Amino acid sequence: MAASTIGVIFDWDGVIIHSEAYHRRSWEMLCEEQGLQMPDGAFSRSFGMRNAQIIPDVFQWAEPNDHVRIAALGDRKERLYRELVRTEGITPLAGVYALLDALDAAGIAFAVGSSTPRENIDAVMEALGITGRFRAIVAAADVSQGKPDPEVFLKAAQGLHLDPCQCVVVEDAHVGIAAARAGGFRVLAVATTHPEEALSAADAVHANLESVDVATLRALIQLRDSLSQDCHA
């Protein structure tokens, strides 16, 4: 496969798919099974975070050092989520297929950098028919620090064999935008989870991927006739 001079790193939930309803339902199913309750507003605050952060810090269902309970609750929740995906199906957000096709045609490599478990990503890719299209996938278990730490995006860039300044991160969540900024990436936000006016920390904001094309992404990393060896020039 030819080397790419620029790359695109996609967050998953809220960018490729809109799975909020399935995630909410799977957390609610877990609550019913385990006799748990979510604090008011906690589900919305959890967007973009790993279960290892959500369960002790946001939902307060376990002590931070109770790794066995955190893992058990998180694993069960994700199994419930995958059951919903497989039995009820899922569709991509607007513009996803067209943008992936355009990136392929332009020879631009793309990756996933997500707080989502890899098994969930694989299940959705199979449902959408896009298995094997991403050059790199970095998921929850591949990092030790969750967003807003930039580790997930830095590892995705490494998987593309590119520097952060050669990549655009596509995000929908505040913690994801902060993570991309911290890693030195340009950020394009899609207003699929939060209103456009709430995403001003990104370099550009679009309603969804329908209005995003290769030229949009090239412009964000200030590509001229050819990419300078000095990304910061």
Protein backbone atom coordinates (compact mmCIF):
# COMPACT_ATOMS: atom_id res chain seq x y z
CA MET A 1 0.00 0.00 0.00
CA ALA A 2 1.43 3.40 -1.01
CA ALA A 3 2.47 5.84 1.69
CA SER A 4 0.10 8.70 2.37
CA THR A 5 1.36 12.24 2.95
CA ILE A 6 -1.66 13.24 5.01
CA GLY A 7 -4.12 11.29 7.08
CA VAL A 8 -7.53 11.49 8.70
CA ILE A 9 -8.31 10.03 12.12
CA PHE A 10 -11.97 9.45 12.86
CA ASP A 11 -13.52 9.18 16.26
CA TRP A 12 -16.21 6.50 16.13
CA ASP A 13 -19.43 7.13 18.04
CA GLY A 14 -21.01 10.37 16.88
CA VAL A 15 -18.78 10.55 13.78
CA ILE A 16 -19.13 7.28 11.86
CA ILE A 17 -22.32 6.13 13.59
CA HIS A 18 -24.85 7.69 15.93
CA SER A 19 -25.13 4.99 18.57
CA GLU A 20 -26.24 7.16 21.49
CA ALA A 21 -29.61 5.40 21.69
CA TYR A 22 -28.01 1.95 21.81
CA HIS A 23 -25.47 3.06 24.42
CA ARG A 24 -28.19 4.62 26.56
CA ARG A 25 -30.34 1.50 26.28
CA SER A 26 -27.44 -0.83 27.11
CA TRP A 27 -26.55 1.23 30.21
CA GLU A 28 -30.22 1.20 31.22
CA MET A 29 -30.39 -2.57 30.70
CA LEU A 30 -27.30 -2.93 32.88
CA CYS A 31 -28.89 -0.75 35.56
CA GLU A 32 -31.97 -2.96 35.56
CA GLU A 33 -29.89 -6.15 35.76
CA GLN A 34 -27.60 -4.90 38.52
CA GLY A 35 -29.96 -2.64 40.50
CA LEU A 36 -27.92 0.48 39.68
CA GLN A 37 -28.86 4.10 39.03
CA MET A 38 -27.12 6.76 36.95
CA PRO A 39 -26.76 10.25 38.47
CA ASP A 40 -28.72 12.96 36.68
CA GLY A 41 -26.93 14.12 33.54
CA ALA A 42 -24.19 11.51 33.91
CA PHE A 43 -24.86 9.82 30.58
CA SER A 44 -24.28 13.04 28.63
CA ARG A 45 -21.11 13.78 30.60
CA SER A 46 -19.75 10.35 29.71
CA PHE A 47 -19.56 10.99 25.93
CA GLY A 48 -16.11 10.20 24.58
CA MET A 49 -14.83 8.56 27.75
CA ARG A 50 -13.72 4.98 28.37
CA ASN A 51 -15.73 2.73 30.67
CA ALA A 52 -12.75 2.69 33.04
CA GLN A 53 -13.41 6.41 33.54
CA ILE A 54 -17.20 6.38 33.27
CA ILE A 55 -18.03 3.69 35.82
CA PRO A 56 -16.03 5.02 38.81
CA ASP A 57 -15.75 8.74 38.02
CA VAL A 58 -19.01 9.65 36.27
CA PHE A 59 -21.54 7.00 37.32
CA GLN A 60 -19.81 6.34 40.67
CA TRP A 61 -20.61 2.63 40.62
CA ALA A 62 -17.21 1.50 41.85
CA GLU A 63 -14.12 2.73 43.62
CA PRO A 64 -11.40 3.80 41.14
CA ASN A 65 -9.12 0.97 42.27
CA ASP A 66 -11.83 -1.74 42.06
CA HIS A 67 -10.66 -2.90 38.65
CA VAL A 68 -12.48 -6.24 38.81
CA ARG A 69 -15.91 -4.63 39.31
CA ILE A 70 -15.22 -1.91 36.75
CA ALA A 71 -14.17 -4.50 34.15
CA ALA A 72 -17.15 -6.78 34.87
CA LEU A 73 -19.71 -3.97 34.58
CA GLY A 74 -18.07 -2.55 31.48
CA ASP A 75 -17.82 -5.91 29.73
CA ARG A 76 -21.47 -6.73 30.41
CA LYS A 77 -22.62 -3.33 29.17
CA GLU A 78 -20.69 -3.75 25.92
CA ARG A 79 -22.09 -7.24 25.35
CA LEU A 80 -25.58 -5.78 25.70
CA TYR A 81 -24.65 -3.04 23.21
CA ARG A 82 -23.36 -5.52 20.62
CA GLU A 83 -26.51 -7.60 20.97
CA LEU A 84 -28.57 -4.51 20.09
CA VAL A 85 -26.37 -3.76 17.07
CA ARG A 86 -26.59 -7.30 15.74
CA THR A 87 -30.30 -7.79 16.32
CA GLU A 88 -31.58 -4.33 15.33
CA GLY A 89 -28.91 -3.18 12.86
CA ILE A 90 -27.25 0.20 12.52
CA THR A 91 -26.66 2.75 9.77
CA PRO A 92 -23.79 5.19 9.23
CA LEU A 93 -24.16 8.90 9.71
CA ALA A 94 -24.74 11.08 6.67
CA GLY A 95 -21.75 11.41 4.37
CA VAL A 96 -19.65 8.56 5.79
CA TYR A 97 -19.58 6.25 2.77
CA ALA A 98 -18.99 9.10 0.32
CA LEU A 99 -16.11 10.55 2.33
CA LEU A 100 -14.38 7.19 2.80
CA ASP A 101 -14.67 6.58 -0.96
CA ALA A 102 -13.25 10.04 -1.70
CA LEU A 103 -10.31 9.52 0.66
CA ASP A 104 -9.54 6.16 -0.94
CA ALA A 105 -9.68 7.72 -4.42
CA ALA A 106 -7.29 10.49 -3.31
CA GLY A 107 -4.85 8.04 -1.72
CA ILE A 108 -5.36 9.51 1.74
CA ALA A 109 -4.97 7.06 4.62
CA PHE A 110 -7.52 7.05 7.41
CA ALA A 111 -7.76 5.49 10.84
CA VAL A 112 -10.05 5.14 13.84
CA GLY A 113 -9.06 6.64 17.20
CA SER A 114 -11.80 5.86 19.69
CA SER A 115 -12.61 5.19 23.33
CA THR A 116 -14.92 2.43 22.09
CA PRO A 117 -13.99 -1.24 22.72
CA ARG A 118 -12.52 -2.90 19.63
CA GLU A 119 -15.18 -5.62 19.67
CA ASN A 120 -17.87 -2.93 19.27
CA ILE A 121 -16.04 -1.33 16.37
CA ASP A 122 -15.64 -4.70 14.66
CA ALA A 123 -19.35 -5.51 15.12
CA VAL A 124 -20.42 -2.18 13.63
CA MET A 125 -17.92 -2.38 10.75
CA GLU A 126 -19.34 -5.76 9.85
CA ALA A 127 -22.88 -4.39 9.97
CA LEU A 128 -21.91 -1.43 7.76
CA GLY A 129 -19.78 -3.42 5.32
CA ILE A 130 -16.61 -1.39 5.95
CA THR A 131 -14.39 -4.03 7.55
CA GLY A 132 -10.78 -3.62 6.41
CA ARG A 133 -11.15 -0.11 5.04
CA PHE A 134 -9.28 1.69 7.85
CA ARG A 135 -5.50 1.43 7.77
CA ALA A 136 -5.27 1.55 11.57
CA ILE A 137 -7.70 1.13 14.46
CA VAL A 138 -6.87 2.26 17.98
CA ALA A 139 -9.55 1.40 20.52
CA ALA A 140 -10.09 1.50 24.28
CA ALA A 141 -7.81 -1.40 25.21
CA ASP A 142 -4.93 -0.02 23.14
CA VAL A 143 -4.32 2.98 25.39
CA SER A 144 -3.63 3.52 29.06
CA GLN A 145 -5.00 7.07 29.17
CA GLY A 146 -8.46 8.08 27.97
CA LYS A 147 -9.45 11.33 26.32
CA PRO A 148 -8.76 14.23 26.91
CA ASP A 149 -5.30 12.67 26.94
CA PRO A 150 -4.09 12.54 23.30
CA GLU A 151 -2.69 8.99 23.47
CA VAL A 152 -5.39 7.43 21.29
CA PHE A 153 -4.81 9.89 18.45
CA LEU A 154 -1.03 9.77 18.74
CA LYS A 155 -1.14 5.98 18.38
CA ALA A 156 -3.51 6.26 15.42
CA ALA A 157 -1.09 8.66 13.71
CA GLN A 158 1.72 6.19 14.35
CA GLY A 159 -0.41 3.51 12.72
CA LEU A 160 -0.65 5.73 9.63
CA HIS A 161 3.13 6.42 9.79
CA LEU A 162 2.40 10.13 9.98
CA ASP A 163 3.13 12.99 12.36
CA PRO A 164 0.22 14.68 14.20
CA CYS A 165 0.70 17.82 12.12
CA GLN A 166 0.00 15.76 8.98
CA CYS A 167 -3.36 14.53 10.27
CA VAL A 168 -6.86 15.88 10.79
CA VAL A 169 -8.90 14.44 13.65
CA VAL A 170 -12.67 14.28 13.14
CA GLU A 171 -14.54 14.48 16.45
CA ASP A 172 -17.95 15.19 17.91
CA ALA A 173 -17.16 15.33 21.66
CA HIS A 174 -15.53 18.02 23.79
CA VAL A 175 -13.07 15.61 25.39
CA GLY A 176 -12.06 14.38 21.94
CA ILE A 177 -11.46 17.88 20.64
CA ALA A 178 -9.35 18.61 23.72
CA ALA A 179 -7.39 15.37 23.18
CA ALA A 180 -6.67 16.20 19.55
CA ARG A 181 -5.56 19.73 20.46
CA ALA A 182 -3.27 18.37 23.16
CA GLY A 183 -1.64 16.06 20.61
CA GLY A 184 -0.94 18.79 18.07
CA PHE A 185 -3.61 17.78 15.54
CA ARG A 186 -5.94 19.92 13.47
CA VAL A 187 -9.55 19.18 14.42
CA LEU A 188 -12.74 19.11 12.40
CA ALA A 189 -15.85 18.82 14.57
CA VAL A 190 -19.23 17.49 13.50
CA ALA A 191 -22.32 18.75 15.30
CA THR A 192 -23.98 15.37 15.65
CA THR A 193 -23.86 15.30 19.46
CA HIS A 194 -23.45 18.96 20.46
CA PRO A 195 -24.66 22.16 18.74
CA GLU A 196 -22.21 23.89 16.38
CA GLU A 197 -21.80 26.88 18.69
CA ALA A 198 -20.54 24.58 21.46
CA LEU A 199 -17.68 23.25 19.31
CA SER A 200 -15.68 26.44 18.82
CA ALA A 201 -12.48 24.82 20.12
CA ALA A 202 -12.21 22.92 16.81
CA ASP A 203 -10.55 24.37 13.70
CA ALA A 204 -13.73 23.84 11.67
CA VAL A 205 -17.27 22.75 12.44
CA HIS A 206 -19.69 20.98 10.09
CA ALA A 207 -23.20 19.72 10.69
CA ASN A 208 -22.09 16.25 9.58
CA LEU A 209 -19.72 14.64 7.08
CA GLU A 210 -21.92 15.40 4.06
CA SER A 211 -20.28 18.80 3.64
CA VAL A 212 -16.74 17.50 4.22
CA ASP A 213 -14.57 16.62 1.22
CA VAL A 214 -10.90 16.03 0.49
CA ALA A 215 -10.30 19.73 -0.20
CA THR A 216 -11.77 20.62 3.20
CA LEU A 217 -9.39 18.26 4.96
CA ARG A 218 -6.35 19.31 2.94
CA ALA A 219 -7.05 22.95 3.75
CA LEU A 220 -7.09 22.21 7.46
CA ILE A 221 -3.49 21.09 7.44
CA GLN A 222 -2.51 23.92 5.11
CA LEU A 223 -1.37 21.71 2.28
CA ARG A 224 0.18 23.77 -0.52
CA ASP A 225 1.68 22.26 -3.67
CA SER A 226 3.40 19.61 -1.55
CA LEU A 227 3.65 19.03 2.17
CA SER A 228 6.64 20.74 3.76
CA GLN A 229 9.04 18.54 5.70
CA ASP A 230 8.58 21.06 8.50
CA CYS A 231 4.97 20.64 9.53
CA HIS A 232 5.03 23.87 11.46
CA ALA A 233 6.33 26.03 8.62
